[in-house]
Amino acid sequence: MPLQFHRPIENMEIWSASGDGFSFVISLESPTGPGFHGRFGYLASWRPLYENNGAIKISGSPFRTLAEAEGACRNMAEHLRAATDAHRPA
């Protein structure tokens, strides 16, 4: 299932998507100004959708563009899907 990102809160630079039991979030961070503070860029993270675990930052974050962050999330989703499929009984 392809990830479809949307902005759940219109006044914040945050996007989310979910699929195959995983949740993905991208947030725009900057050292100053409103919103999330951190090194400037798009921070991408994931977590299992139905478990009460903290988010895991996707390697390479923060990304320069939203498109790069979305691509990293899609790559991670493919990796997680393949790992999940490999552990299912035949």
PDB file of N, CA and C in Angstrom:
ATOM      1  N   MET A   1       0.840  -1.175   0.000  1.00  0.00           N
ATOM      2  CA  MET A   1       0.000   0.000   0.000  1.00  0.00           C
ATOM      3  C   MET A   1       0.894   1.250   0.000  1.00  0.00           C
ATOM      4  N   PRO A   2       0.770   2.130  -0.979  1.00  0.00           N
ATOM      5  CA  PRO A   2       1.597   3.332  -1.016  1.00  0.00           C
ATOM      6  C   PRO A   2       1.198   4.306   0.094  1.00  0.00           C
ATOM      7  N   LEU A   3       2.195   5.015   0.614  1.00  0.00           N
ATOM      8  CA  LEU A   3       1.930   5.998   1.661  1.00  0.00           C
ATOM      9  C   LEU A   3       1.370   7.273   1.056  1.00  0.00           C
ATOM     10  N   GLN A   4       0.311   7.782   1.640  1.00  0.00           N
ATOM     11  CA  GLN A   4      -0.300   9.042   1.235  1.00  0.00           C
ATOM     12  C   GLN A   4      -0.161  10.023   2.398  1.00  0.00           C
ATOM     13  N   PHE A   5       0.758  10.966   2.282  1.00  0.00           N
ATOM     14  CA  PHE A   5       0.990  11.917   3.357  1.00  0.00           C
ATOM     15  C   PHE A   5      -0.058  13.027   3.335  1.00  0.00           C
ATOM     16  N   HIS A   6      -0.453  13.456   4.522  1.00  0.00           N
ATOM     17  CA  HIS A   6      -1.394  14.571   4.671  1.00  0.00           C
ATOM     18  C   HIS A   6      -0.969  15.406   5.869  1.00  0.00           C
ATOM     19  N   ARG A   7      -1.481  16.612   5.944  1.00  0.00           N
ATOM     20  CA  ARG A   7      -1.188  17.509   7.065  1.00  0.00           C
ATOM     21  C   ARG A   7      -2.348  17.451   8.047  1.00  0.00           C
ATOM     22  N   PRO A   8      -2.161  16.763   9.181  1.00  0.00           N
ATOM     23  CA  PRO A   8      -3.258  16.645  10.148  1.00  0.00           C
ATOM     24  C   PRO A   8      -3.559  17.953  10.884  1.00  0.00           C
ATOM     25  N   ILE A   9      -2.577  18.839  10.965  1.00  0.00           N
ATOM     26  CA  ILE A   9      -2.755  20.128  11.628  1.00  0.00           C
ATOM     27  C   ILE A   9      -2.316  21.191  10.638  1.00  0.00           C
ATOM     28  N   GLU A  10      -3.235  21.984  10.137  1.00  0.00           N
ATOM     29  CA  GLU A  10      -2.936  22.904   9.042  1.00  0.00           C
ATOM     30  C   GLU A  10      -1.917  23.982   9.377  1.00  0.00           C
ATOM     31  N   ASN A  11      -1.849  24.438  10.602  1.00  0.00           N
ATOM     32  CA  ASN A  11      -0.955  25.531  10.951  1.00  0.00           C
ATOM     33  C   ASN A  11       0.430  25.070  11.393  1.00  0.00           C
ATOM     34  N   MET A  12       0.708  23.778  11.278  1.00  0.00           N
ATOM     35  CA  MET A  12       2.020  23.250  11.653  1.00  0.00           C
ATOM     36  C   MET A  12       2.626  22.533  10.458  1.00  0.00           C
ATOM     37  N   GLU A  13       3.937  22.605  10.367  1.00  0.00           N
ATOM     38  CA  GLU A  13       4.657  21.933   9.282  1.00  0.00           C
ATOM     39  C   GLU A  13       4.906  20.483   9.679  1.00  0.00           C
ATOM     40  N   ILE A  14       3.830  19.681   9.613  1.00  0.00           N
ATOM     41  CA  ILE A  14       3.906  18.274   9.969  1.00  0.00           C
ATOM     42  C   ILE A  14       3.014  17.483   9.011  1.00  0.00           C
ATOM     43  N   TRP A  15       3.503  16.332   8.579  1.00  0.00           N
ATOM     44  CA  TRP A  15       2.777  15.469   7.652  1.00  0.00           C
ATOM     45  C   TRP A  15       2.791  14.057   8.219  1.00  0.00           C
ATOM     46  N   SER A  16       1.734  13.304   7.991  1.00  0.00           N
ATOM     47  CA  SER A  16       1.685  11.931   8.487  1.00  0.00           C
ATOM     48  C   SER A  16       1.057  11.008   7.454  1.00  0.00           C
ATOM     49  N   ALA A  17       1.408   9.732   7.593  1.00  0.00           N
ATOM     50  CA  ALA A  17       0.851   8.684   6.737  1.00  0.00           C
ATOM     51  C   ALA A  17       0.956   7.377   7.511  1.00  0.00           C
ATOM     52  N   SER A  18       0.124   6.412   7.150  1.00  0.00           N
ATOM     53  CA  SER A  18       0.220   5.093   7.769  1.00  0.00           C
ATOM     54  C   SER A  18      -0.130   4.033   6.750  1.00  0.00           C
ATOM     55  N   GLY A  19       0.380   2.844   6.995  1.00  0.00           N
ATOM     56  CA  GLY A  19       0.086   1.718   6.124  1.00  0.00           C
ATOM     57  C   GLY A  19       0.802   0.479   6.604  1.00  0.00           C
ATOM     58  N   ASP A  20       0.192  -0.665   6.399  1.00  0.00           N
ATOM     59  CA  ASP A  20       0.763  -1.962   6.749  1.00  0.00           C
ATOM     60  C   ASP A  20       1.209  -2.046   8.204  1.00  0.00           C
ATOM     61  N   GLY A  21       0.472  -1.374   9.092  1.00  0.00           N
ATOM     62  CA  GLY A  21       0.762  -1.472  10.513  1.00  0.00           C
ATOM     63  C   GLY A  21       1.834  -0.523  11.022  1.00  0.00           C
ATOM     64  N   PHE A  22       2.224   0.460  10.200  1.00  0.00           N
ATOM     65  CA  PHE A  22       3.254   1.412  10.610  1.00  0.00           C
ATOM     66  C   PHE A  22       2.781   2.839  10.380  1.00  0.00           C
ATOM     67  N   SER A  23       3.237   3.734  11.233  1.00  0.00           N
ATOM     68  CA  SER A  23       2.916   5.151  11.135  1.00  0.00           C
ATOM     69  C   SER A  23       4.199   5.911  10.807  1.00  0.00           C
ATOM     70  N   PHE A  24       4.097   6.884   9.902  1.00  0.00           N
ATOM     71  CA  PHE A  24       5.232   7.709   9.496  1.00  0.00           C
ATOM     72  C   PHE A  24       4.875   9.171   9.688  1.00  0.00           C
ATOM     73  N   VAL A  25       5.838   9.946  10.202  1.00  0.00           N
ATOM     74  CA  VAL A  25       5.631  11.373  10.435  1.00  0.00           C
ATOM     75  C   VAL A  25       6.844  12.133   9.927  1.00  0.00           C
ATOM     76  N   ILE A  26       6.577  13.245   9.272  1.00  0.00           N
ATOM     77  CA  ILE A  26       7.623  14.158   8.812  1.00  0.00           C
ATOM     78  C   ILE A  26       7.322  15.522   9.419  1.00  0.00           C
ATOM     79  N   SER A  27       8.325  16.143  10.023  1.00  0.00           N
ATOM     80  CA  SER A  27       8.144  17.480  10.583  1.00  0.00           C
ATOM     81  C   SER A  27       9.273  18.380  10.109  1.00  0.00           C
ATOM     82  N   LEU A  28       8.935  19.632   9.847  1.00  0.00           N
ATOM     83  CA  LEU A  28       9.936  20.611   9.460  1.00  0.00           C
ATOM     84  C   LEU A  28      10.475  21.242  10.732  1.00  0.00           C
ATOM     85  N   GLU A  29      11.796  21.198  10.889  1.00  0.00           N
ATOM     86  CA  GLU A  29      12.438  21.767  12.065  1.00  0.00           C
ATOM     87  C   GLU A  29      13.369  22.886  11.647  1.00  0.00           C
ATOM     88  N   SER A  30      13.522  23.865  12.538  1.00  0.00           N
ATOM     89  CA  SER A  30      14.479  24.943  12.303  1.00  0.00           C
ATOM     90  C   SER A  30      15.010  25.401  13.657  1.00  0.00           C
ATOM     91  N   PRO A  31      16.220  25.979  13.675  1.00  0.00           N
ATOM     92  CA  PRO A  31      16.791  26.400  14.954  1.00  0.00           C
ATOM     93  C   PRO A  31      16.052  27.572  15.595  1.00  0.00           C
ATOM     94  N   THR A  32      15.360  28.380  14.805  1.00  0.00           N
ATOM     95  CA  THR A  32      14.632  29.532  15.337  1.00  0.00           C
ATOM     96  C   THR A  32      13.250  29.575  14.708  1.00  0.00           C
ATOM     97  N   GLY A  33      12.410  30.422  15.227  1.00  0.00           N
ATOM     98  CA  GLY A  33      11.083  30.598  14.645  1.00  0.00           C
ATOM     99  C   GLY A  33      10.053  29.679  15.253  1.00  0.00           C
ATOM    100  N   PRO A  34       8.822  29.716  14.710  1.00  0.00           N
ATOM    101  CA  PRO A  34       7.745  28.892  15.258  1.00  0.00           C
ATOM    102  C   PRO A  34       7.929  27.429  14.882  1.00  0.00           C
ATOM    103  N   GLY A  35       7.242  26.578  15.586  1.00  0.00           N
ATOM    104  CA  GLY A  35       7.266  25.158  15.259  1.00  0.00           C
ATOM    105  C   GLY A  35       8.343  24.397  16.015  1.00  0.00           C
ATOM    106  N   PHE A  36       8.734  23.275  15.436  1.00  0.00           N
ATOM    107  CA  PHE A  36       9.708  22.390  16.071  1.00  0.00           C
ATOM    108  C   PHE A  36      11.112  22.960  15.929  1.00  0.00           C
ATOM    109  N   HIS A  37      11.878  22.894  17.007  1.00  0.00           N
ATOM    110  CA  HIS A  37      13.240  23.418  16.980  1.00  0.00           C
ATOM    111  C   HIS A  37      14.246  22.288  16.861  1.00  0.00           C
ATOM    112  N   GLY A  38      15.237  22.495  16.045  1.00  0.00           N
ATOM    113  CA  GLY A  38      16.295  21.531  15.799  1.00  0.00           C
ATOM    114  C   GLY A  38      17.084  21.999  14.598  1.00  0.00           C
ATOM    115  N   ARG A  39      17.970  21.163  14.124  1.00  0.00           N
ATOM    116  CA  ARG A  39      18.727  21.487  12.923  1.00  0.00           C
ATOM    117  C   ARG A  39      17.756  21.622  11.758  1.00  0.00           C
ATOM    118  N   PHE A  40      17.940  22.626  10.898  1.00  0.00           N
ATOM    119  CA  PHE A  40      16.972  22.871   9.833  1.00  0.00           C
ATOM    120  C   PHE A  40      16.863  21.668   8.903  1.00  0.00           C
ATOM    121  N   GLY A  41      15.635  21.281   8.613  1.00  0.00           N
ATOM    122  CA  GLY A  41      15.358  20.216   7.665  1.00  0.00           C
ATOM    123  C   GLY A  41      14.099  19.457   8.033  1.00  0.00           C
ATOM    124  N   TYR A  42      13.809  18.450   7.230  1.00  0.00           N
ATOM    125  CA  TYR A  42      12.619  17.624   7.396  1.00  0.00           C
ATOM    126  C   TYR A  42      12.998  16.345   8.124  1.00  0.00           C
ATOM    127  N   LEU A  43      12.540  16.205   9.353  1.00  0.00           N
ATOM    128  CA  LEU A  43      12.825  15.039  10.170  1.00  0.00           C
ATOM    129  C   LEU A  43      11.765  13.977   9.906  1.00  0.00           C
ATOM    130  N   ALA A  44      12.199  12.788   9.530  1.00  0.00           N
ATOM    131  CA  ALA A  44      11.279  11.688   9.241  1.00  0.00           C
ATOM    132  C   ALA A  44      11.436  10.603  10.302  1.00  0.00           C
ATOM    133  N   SER A  45      10.308  10.045  10.735  1.00  0.00           N
ATOM    134  CA  SER A  45      10.342   8.988  11.744  1.00  0.00           C
ATOM    135  C   SER A  45       9.213   7.993  11.485  1.00  0.00           C
ATOM    136  N   TRP A  46       9.331   6.831  12.136  1.00  0.00           N
ATOM    137  CA  TRP A  46       8.308   5.802  11.999  1.00  0.00           C
ATOM    138  C   TRP A  46       8.135   5.105  13.343  1.00  0.00           C
ATOM    139  N   ARG A  47       7.023   4.402  13.475  1.00  0.00           N
ATOM    140  CA  ARG A  47       6.780   3.550  14.633  1.00  0.00           C
ATOM    141  C   ARG A  47       5.691   2.547  14.275  1.00  0.00           C
ATOM    142  N   PRO A  48       5.648   1.412  14.989  1.00  0.00           N
ATOM    143  CA  PRO A  48       4.549   0.474  14.772  1.00  0.00           C
ATOM    144  C   PRO A  48       3.234   1.147  15.137  1.00  0.00           C
ATOM    145  N   LEU A  49       2.228   0.968  14.325  1.00  0.00           N
ATOM    146  CA  LEU A  49       0.949   1.649  14.490  1.00  0.00           C
ATOM    147  C   LEU A  49       0.184   1.177  15.725  1.00  0.00           C
ATOM    148  N   TYR A  50       0.230  -0.104  16.034  1.00  0.00           N
ATOM    149  CA  TYR A  50      -0.609  -0.642  17.104  1.00  0.00           C
ATOM    150  C   TYR A  50       0.173  -0.999  18.361  1.00  0.00           C
ATOM    151  N   GLU A  51       1.356  -0.416  18.521  1.00  0.00           N
ATOM    152  CA  GLU A  51       2.150  -0.628  19.727  1.00  0.00           C
ATOM    153  C   GLU A  51       2.426   0.726  20.361  1.00  0.00           C
ATOM    154  N   ASN A  52       2.588   0.722  21.648  1.00  0.00           N
ATOM    155  CA  ASN A  52       2.835   1.962  22.367  1.00  0.00           C
ATOM    156  C   ASN A  52       4.339   2.204  22.476  1.00  0.00           C
ATOM    157  N   ASN A  53       5.004   2.344  21.325  1.00  0.00           N
ATOM    158  CA  ASN A  53       6.440   2.586  21.281  1.00  0.00           C
ATOM    159  C   ASN A  53       6.708   3.998  20.798  1.00  0.00           C
ATOM    160  N   GLY A  54       7.870   4.521  21.179  1.00  0.00           N
ATOM    161  CA  GLY A  54       8.280   5.823  20.673  1.00  0.00           C
ATOM    162  C   GLY A  54       8.681   5.725  19.210  1.00  0.00           C
ATOM    163  N   ALA A  55       8.757   6.875  18.563  1.00  0.00           N
ATOM    164  CA  ALA A  55       9.126   6.927  17.152  1.00  0.00           C
ATOM    165  C   ALA A  55      10.624   6.688  16.982  1.00  0.00           C
ATOM    166  N   ILE A  56      10.990   6.176  15.820  1.00  0.00           N
ATOM    167  CA  ILE A  56      12.378   5.916  15.456  1.00  0.00           C
ATOM    168  C   ILE A  56      12.734   6.813  14.285  1.00  0.00           C
ATOM    169  N   LYS A  57      13.774   7.607  14.459  1.00  0.00           N
ATOM    170  CA  LYS A  57      14.207   8.526  13.404  1.00  0.00           C
ATOM    171  C   LYS A  57      14.752   7.733  12.222  1.00  0.00           C
ATOM    172  N   ILE A  58      14.374   8.125  11.018  1.00  0.00           N
ATOM    173  CA  ILE A  58      14.850   7.476   9.808  1.00  0.00           C
ATOM    174  C   ILE A  58      16.236   8.013   9.480  1.00  0.00           C
ATOM    175  N   SER A  59      17.140   7.113   9.193  1.00  0.00           N
ATOM    176  CA  SER A  59      18.522   7.471   8.886  1.00  0.00           C
ATOM    177  C   SER A  59      18.584   8.494   7.761  1.00  0.00           C
ATOM    178  N   GLY A  60      19.413   9.502   7.948  1.00  0.00           N
ATOM    179  CA  GLY A  60      19.539  10.568   6.961  1.00  0.00           C
ATOM    180  C   GLY A  60      18.816  11.833   7.359  1.00  0.00           C
ATOM    181  N   SER A  61      17.933  11.738   8.356  1.00  0.00           N
ATOM    182  CA  SER A  61      17.189  12.914   8.818  1.00  0.00           C
ATOM    183  C   SER A  61      18.138  13.863   9.536  1.00  0.00           C
ATOM    184  N   PRO A  62      17.934  15.147   9.415  1.00  0.00           N
ATOM    185  CA  PRO A  62      16.910  15.820   8.626  1.00  0.00           C
ATOM    186  C   PRO A  62      17.288  15.893   7.148  1.00  0.00           C
ATOM    187  N   PHE A  63      16.264  15.853   6.306  1.00  0.00           N
ATOM    188  CA  PHE A  63      16.432  15.916   4.858  1.00  0.00           C
ATOM    189  C   PHE A  63      16.257  17.357   4.381  1.00  0.00           C
ATOM    190  N   ARG A  64      16.844  17.671   3.234  1.00  0.00           N
ATOM    191  CA  ARG A  64      16.765  19.036   2.704  1.00  0.00           C
ATOM    192  C   ARG A  64      15.386  19.388   2.195  1.00  0.00           C
ATOM    193  N   THR A  65      14.677  18.404   1.629  1.00  0.00           N
ATOM    194  CA  THR A  65      13.365  18.683   1.041  1.00  0.00           C
ATOM    195  C   THR A  65      12.320  17.699   1.565  1.00  0.00           C
ATOM    196  N   LEU A  66      11.058  18.111   1.459  1.00  0.00           N
ATOM    197  CA  LEU A  66       9.958  17.238   1.846  1.00  0.00           C
ATOM    198  C   LEU A  66       9.940  15.993   0.959  1.00  0.00           C
ATOM    199  N   ALA A  67      10.227  16.149  -0.324  1.00  0.00           N
ATOM    200  CA  ALA A  67      10.235  15.007  -1.244  1.00  0.00           C
ATOM    201  C   ALA A  67      11.277  13.968  -0.828  1.00  0.00           C
ATOM    202  N   GLU A  68      12.454  14.413  -0.384  1.00  0.00           N
ATOM    203  CA  GLU A  68      13.482  13.475   0.078  1.00  0.00           C
ATOM    204  C   GLU A  68      13.013  12.731   1.322  1.00  0.00           C
ATOM    205  N   ALA A  69      12.361  13.441   2.237  1.00  0.00           N
ATOM    206  CA  ALA A  69      11.848  12.814   3.459  1.00  0.00           C
ATOM    207  C   ALA A  69      10.742  11.806   3.133  1.00  0.00           C
ATOM    208  N   GLU A  70       9.855  12.155   2.211  1.00  0.00           N
ATOM    209  CA  GLU A  70       8.802  11.219   1.793  1.00  0.00           C
ATOM    210  C   GLU A  70       9.412   9.977   1.168  1.00  0.00           C
ATOM    211  N   GLY A  71      10.419  10.158   0.329  1.00  0.00           N
ATOM    212  CA  GLY A  71      11.094   9.018  -0.298  1.00  0.00           C
ATOM    213  C   GLY A  71      11.740   8.108   0.735  1.00  0.00           C
ATOM    214  N   ALA A  72      12.360   8.699   1.758  1.00  0.00           N
ATOM    215  CA  ALA A  72      12.979   7.906   2.818  1.00  0.00           C
ATOM    216  C   ALA A  72      11.920   7.108   3.580  1.00  0.00           C
ATOM    217  N   CYS A  73      10.764   7.706   3.813  1.00  0.00           N
ATOM    218  CA  CYS A  73       9.672   6.997   4.483  1.00  0.00           C
ATOM    219  C   CYS A  73       9.178   5.839   3.620  1.00  0.00           C
ATOM    220  N   ARG A  74       9.037   6.070   2.338  1.00  0.00           N
ATOM    221  CA  ARG A  74       8.585   4.995   1.441  1.00  0.00           C
ATOM    222  C   ARG A  74       9.601   3.852   1.400  1.00  0.00           C
ATOM    223  N   ASN A  75      10.889   4.187   1.369  1.00  0.00           N
ATOM    224  CA  ASN A  75      11.922   3.147   1.396  1.00  0.00           C
ATOM    225  C   ASN A  75      11.863   2.356   2.693  1.00  0.00           C
ATOM    226  N   MET A  76      11.682   3.055   3.818  1.00  0.00           N
ATOM    227  CA  MET A  76      11.592   2.371   5.109  1.00  0.00           C
ATOM    228  C   MET A  76      10.348   1.496   5.151  1.00  0.00           C
ATOM    229  N   ALA A  77       9.232   1.970   4.601  1.00  0.00           N
ATOM    230  CA  ALA A  77       8.004   1.169   4.574  1.00  0.00           C
ATOM    231  C   ALA A  77       8.229  -0.118   3.782  1.00  0.00           C
ATOM    232  N   GLU A  78       8.922  -0.040   2.658  1.00  0.00           N
ATOM    233  CA  GLU A  78       9.222  -1.242   1.867  1.00  0.00           C
ATOM    234  C   GLU A  78      10.104  -2.197   2.651  1.00  0.00           C
ATOM    235  N   HIS A  79      11.107  -1.660   3.338  1.00  0.00           N
ATOM    236  CA  HIS A  79      11.999  -2.487   4.146  1.00  0.00           C
ATOM    237  C   HIS A  79      11.220  -3.170   5.277  1.00  0.00           C
ATOM    238  N   LEU A  80      10.378  -2.425   5.982  1.00  0.00           N
ATOM    239  CA  LEU A  80       9.594  -2.990   7.074  1.00  0.00           C
ATOM    240  C   LEU A  80       8.607  -4.034   6.574  1.00  0.00           C
ATOM    241  N   ARG A  81       7.988  -3.772   5.430  1.00  0.00           N
ATOM    242  CA  ARG A  81       7.046  -4.730   4.839  1.00  0.00           C
ATOM    243  C   ARG A  81       7.759  -6.034   4.508  1.00  0.00           C
ATOM    244  N   ALA A  82       8.951  -5.940   3.901  1.00  0.00           N
ATOM    245  CA  ALA A  82       9.716  -7.133   3.544  1.00  0.00           C
ATOM    246  C   ALA A  82      10.141  -7.905   4.797  1.00  0.00           C
ATOM    247  N   ALA A  83      10.560  -7.192   5.832  1.00  0.00           N
ATOM    248  CA  ALA A  83      10.964  -7.851   7.074  1.00  0.00           C
ATOM    249  C   ALA A  83       9.781  -8.532   7.742  1.00  0.00           C
ATOM    250  N   THR A  84       8.625  -7.884   7.719  1.00  0.00           N
ATOM    251  CA  THR A  84       7.423  -8.475   8.310  1.00  0.00           C
ATOM    252  C   THR A  84       7.001  -9.723   7.543  1.00  0.00           C
ATOM    253  N   ASP A  85       7.035  -9.648   6.215  1.00  0.00           N
ATOM    254  CA  ASP A  85       6.661 -10.789   5.375  1.00  0.00           C
ATOM    255  C   ASP A  85       7.600 -11.976   5.596  1.00  0.00           C
ATOM    256  N   ALA A  86       8.883 -11.690   5.828  1.00  0.00           N
ATOM    257  CA  ALA A  86       9.879 -12.755   6.015  1.00  0.00           C
ATOM    258  C   ALA A  86       9.634 -13.512   7.326  1.00  0.00           C
ATOM    259  N   HIS A  87       8.984 -12.869   8.296  1.00  0.00           N
ATOM    260  CA  HIS A  87       8.746 -13.496   9.593  1.00  0.00           C
ATOM    261  C   HIS A  87       7.364 -14.151   9.721  1.00  0.00           C
ATOM    262  N   ARG A  88       6.565 -14.056   8.669  1.00  0.00           N
ATOM    263  CA  ARG A  88       5.246 -14.700   8.704  1.00  0.00           C
ATOM    264  C   ARG A  88       5.385 -16.177   8.347  1.00  0.00           C
ATOM    265  N   PRO A  89       4.648 -17.028   9.044  1.00  0.00           N
ATOM    266  CA  PRO A  89       4.695 -18.461   8.701  1.00  0.00           C
ATOM    267  C   PRO A  89       4.134 -18.710   7.302  1.00  0.00           C
ATOM    268  N   ALA A  90       4.716 -19.656   6.618  1.00  0.00           N
ATOM    269  CA  ALA A  90       4.265 -19.980   5.254  1.00  0.00           C
ATOM    270  C   ALA A  90       3.032 -20.819   5.251  1.00  0.00           C
TER     271      ALA A  90
END
